[in-house]
C-alpha atoms as a PDB file:
ATOM      1  CA  UNK A   1     147.598 140.408  27.549  1.00  0.00           C
ATOM      2  CA  UNK A   2     150.556 142.498  26.474  1.00  0.00           C
ATOM      3  CA  UNK A   3     154.216 141.812  27.272  1.00  0.00           C
ATOM      4  CA  UNK A   4     157.163 144.199  27.080  1.00  0.00           C
ATOM      5  CA  UNK A   5     160.797 143.662  27.969  1.00  0.00           C
ATOM      6  CA  UNK A   6     161.610 146.035  30.827  1.00  0.00           C
ATOM      7  CA  UNK A   7     165.190 146.506  29.607  1.00  0.00           C
ATOM      8  CA  UNK A   8     163.925 147.762  26.237  1.00  0.00           C
ATOM      9  CA  UNK A   9     162.001 150.550  28.002  1.00  0.00           C
ATOM     10  CA  UNK A  10     165.250 152.250  29.053  1.00  0.00           C
ATOM     11  CA  UNK A  11     167.425 153.942  26.449  1.00  0.00           C
ATOM     12  CA  UNK A  12     171.036 152.811  26.546  1.00  0.00           C
ATOM     13  CA  UNK A  13     170.475 149.672  28.615  1.00  0.00           C
ATOM     14  CA  UNK A  14     172.600 147.361  26.509  1.00  0.00           C
ATOM     15  CA  UNK A  15     170.795 147.862  23.206  1.00  0.00           C
ATOM     16  CA  UNK A  16     172.694 148.724  20.073  1.00  0.00           C
ATOM     17  CA  UNK A  17     171.362 150.485  17.024  1.00  0.00           C
ATOM     18  CA  UNK A  18     170.058 147.265  15.443  1.00  0.00           C
ATOM     19  CA  UNK A  19     166.388 146.406  15.900  1.00  0.00           C
ATOM     20  CA  UNK A  20     167.155 142.653  15.870  1.00  0.00           C
ATOM     21  CA  UNK A  21     168.562 142.868  19.395  1.00  0.00           C
ATOM     22  CA  UNK A  22     165.151 143.820  20.841  1.00  0.00           C
ATOM     23  CA  UNK A  23     163.517 140.760  19.263  1.00  0.00           C
ATOM     24  CA  UNK A  24     166.201 138.391  20.557  1.00  0.00           C
ATOM     25  CA  UNK A  25     166.082 139.486  24.218  1.00  0.00           C
ATOM     26  CA  UNK A  26     165.098 136.644  26.532  1.00  0.00           C
ATOM     27  CA  UNK A  27     166.871 137.602  29.759  1.00  0.00           C
ATOM     28  CA  UNK A  28     165.695 140.078  32.351  1.00  0.00           C
ATOM     29  CA  UNK A  29     162.211 141.062  33.389  1.00  0.00           C
ATOM     30  CA  UNK A  30     159.046 141.563  31.375  1.00  0.00           C
ATOM     31  CA  UNK A  31     156.206 143.940  32.161  1.00  0.00           C
ATOM     32  CA  UNK A  32     152.903 142.130  31.566  1.00  0.00           C
ATOM     33  CA  UNK A  33     149.696 144.149  31.177  1.00  0.00           C
ATOM     34  CA  UNK A  34     146.599 142.112  32.035  1.00  0.00           C
ATOM     35  CA  UNK A  35     143.102 143.516  31.625  1.00  0.00           C
ATOM     36  CA  UNK A  36     140.912 143.680  34.741  1.00  0.00           C
ATOM     37  CA  UNK A  37     137.378 142.548  33.912  1.00  0.00           C
ATOM     38  CA  UNK A  38     135.791 142.906  37.347  1.00  0.00           C
ATOM     39  CA  UNK A  39     136.333 142.904  41.057  1.00  0.00           C
ATOM     40  CA  UNK A  40     136.200 145.167  44.068  1.00  0.00           C
ATOM     41  CA  UNK A  41     138.441 147.453  46.090  1.00  0.00           C
ATOM     42  CA  UNK A  42     138.269 148.028  49.847  1.00  0.00           C
ATOM     43  CA  UNK A  43     139.885 150.845  51.826  1.00  0.00           C
ATOM     44  CA  UNK A  44     140.005 151.086  55.628  1.00  0.00           C
ATOM     45  CA  UNK A  45     139.676 154.723  56.728  1.00  0.00           C
ATOM     46  CA  UNK A  46     138.716 156.600  59.903  1.00  0.00           C
ATOM     47  CA  UNK A  47     134.936 156.872  60.369  1.00  0.00           C
ATOM     48  CA  UNK A  48     133.448 159.877  58.588  1.00  0.00           C
ATOM     49  CA  UNK A  49     136.238 160.273  56.028  1.00  0.00           C
ATOM     50  CA  UNK A  50     134.892 162.210  53.009  1.00  0.00           C
ATOM     51  CA  UNK A  51     134.831 160.282  49.715  1.00  0.00           C
ATOM     52  CA  UNK A  52     137.400 162.558  48.097  1.00  0.00           C
ATOM     53  CA  UNK A  53     139.910 161.794  50.905  1.00  0.00           C
ATOM     54  CA  UNK A  54     139.581 157.999  51.032  1.00  0.00           C
ATOM     55  CA  UNK A  55     142.971 157.217  49.502  1.00  0.00           C
ATOM     56  CA  UNK A  56     144.727 159.998  51.418  1.00  0.00           C
ATOM     57  CA  UNK A  57     143.427 158.583  54.730  1.00  0.00           C
ATOM     58  CA  UNK A  58     143.503 154.834  54.065  1.00  0.00           C
ATOM     59  CA  UNK A  59     145.476 152.652  56.462  1.00  0.00           C
ATOM     60  CA  UNK A  60     144.783 149.492  54.454  1.00  0.00           C
ATOM     61  CA  UNK A  61     143.803 148.953  50.831  1.00  0.00           C
ATOM     62  CA  UNK A  62     142.794 145.542  49.591  1.00  0.00           C
ATOM     63  CA  UNK A  63     140.606 143.875  47.078  1.00  0.00           C
ATOM     64  CA  UNK A  64     139.916 141.178  44.594  1.00  0.00           C
ATOM     65  CA  UNK A  65     140.417 141.654  40.874  1.00  0.00           C
ATOM     66  CA  UNK A  66     139.039 139.350  38.190  1.00  0.00           C
ATOM     67  CA  UNK A  67     141.542 139.188  35.335  1.00  0.00           C
ATOM     68  CA  UNK A  68     140.986 138.566  31.618  1.00  0.00           C
ATOM     69  CA  UNK A  69     142.180 134.957  31.943  1.00  0.00           C
ATOM     70  CA  UNK A  70     139.751 134.181  34.796  1.00  0.00           C
ATOM     71  CA  UNK A  71     142.336 134.384  37.584  1.00  0.00           C
ATOM     72  CA  UNK A  72     141.214 136.056  40.836  1.00  0.00           C
ATOM     73  CA  UNK A  73     143.931 138.242  42.320  1.00  0.00           C
ATOM     74  CA  UNK A  74     143.375 139.058  45.995  1.00  0.00           C
ATOM     75  CA  UNK A  75     145.665 141.612  47.606  1.00  0.00           C
ATOM     76  CA  UNK A  76     146.187 143.709  50.721  1.00  0.00           C
ATOM     77  CA  UNK A  77     148.489 146.675  51.243  1.00  0.00           C
ATOM     78  CA  UNK A  78     149.017 148.170  54.715  1.00  0.00           C
ATOM     79  CA  UNK A  79     150.577 151.614  55.172  1.00  0.00           C
ATOM     80  CA  UNK A  80     152.817 150.414  58.018  1.00  0.00           C
ATOM     81  CA  UNK A  81     154.053 147.305  56.191  1.00  0.00           C
ATOM     82  CA  UNK A  82     156.960 146.782  53.865  1.00  0.00           C
ATOM     83  CA  UNK A  83     155.652 145.090  50.745  1.00  0.00           C
ATOM     84  CA  UNK A  84     152.192 143.695  50.144  1.00  0.00           C
ATOM     85  CA  UNK A  85     150.339 140.389  50.303  1.00  0.00           C
ATOM     86  CA  UNK A  86     148.685 138.835  47.264  1.00  0.00           C
ATOM     87  CA  UNK A  87     147.252 135.523  46.137  1.00  0.00           C
ATOM     88  CA  UNK A  88     146.242 134.439  42.640  1.00  0.00           C
ATOM     89  CA  UNK A  89     143.689 131.645  42.285  1.00  0.00           C
ATOM     90  CA  UNK A  90     141.868 130.063  39.386  1.00  0.00           C
ATOM     91  CA  UNK A  91     138.399 128.563  39.376  1.00  0.00           C
ATOM     92  CA  UNK A  92     140.142 125.171  39.640  1.00  0.00           C
ATOM     93  CA  UNK A  93     141.575 126.293  43.005  1.00  0.00           C
ATOM     94  CA  UNK A  94     138.170 127.307  44.387  1.00  0.00           C
ATOM     95  CA  UNK A  95     137.148 125.822  47.724  1.00  0.00           C
ATOM     96  CA  UNK A  96     134.720 123.026  46.916  1.00  0.00           C
ATOM     97  CA  UNK A  97     134.354 121.866  50.528  1.00  0.00           C
ATOM     98  CA  UNK A  98     130.881 122.480  51.944  1.00  0.00           C
ATOM     99  CA  UNK A  99     130.605 124.536  55.117  1.00  0.00           C
ATOM    100  CA  UNK A 100     130.173 122.863  58.498  1.00  0.00           C
ATOM    101  CA  UNK A 101     126.476 123.759  58.517  1.00  0.00           C
ATOM    102  CA  UNK A 102     125.916 121.289  55.669  1.00  0.00           C
ATOM    103  CA  UNK A 103     127.161 118.290  57.672  1.00  0.00           C
ATOM    104  CA  UNK A 104     124.269 115.991  58.667  1.00  0.00           C
ATOM    105  CA  UNK A 105     123.746 114.663  62.174  1.00  0.00           C
ATOM    106  CA  UNK A 106     126.313 116.707  64.072  1.00  0.00           C
ATOM    107  CA  UNK A 107     126.064 115.815  67.787  1.00  0.00           C
ATOM    108  CA  UNK A 108     124.772 118.799  69.746  1.00  0.00           C
ATOM    109  CA  UNK A 109     123.776 120.602  66.532  1.00  0.00           C
ATOM    110  CA  UNK A 110     125.948 122.935  64.558  1.00  0.00           C
END
């Protein structure tokens, strides 16, 4: 994981000539690079779209990324929407409830 102060990326954004100011910054935003170790990407496109045009034709892009710290990041971006949806879960947050088919003696069968 790598962190950088966003303010330090822009020349003249409140930094003087001294290098100590960069080290003492605690306000503002940080850009955090996190390595992706696995996952999948899904794109919704019209039927028959050639592979080289998938991202030009996609109406929805979503997926699940496995990050270096074990977090699963699920996301969905729609072309007609403003913003995107995402959810980060850890293995501790995983659904441990068995499915309904594992319940014994359900009246009428399940």
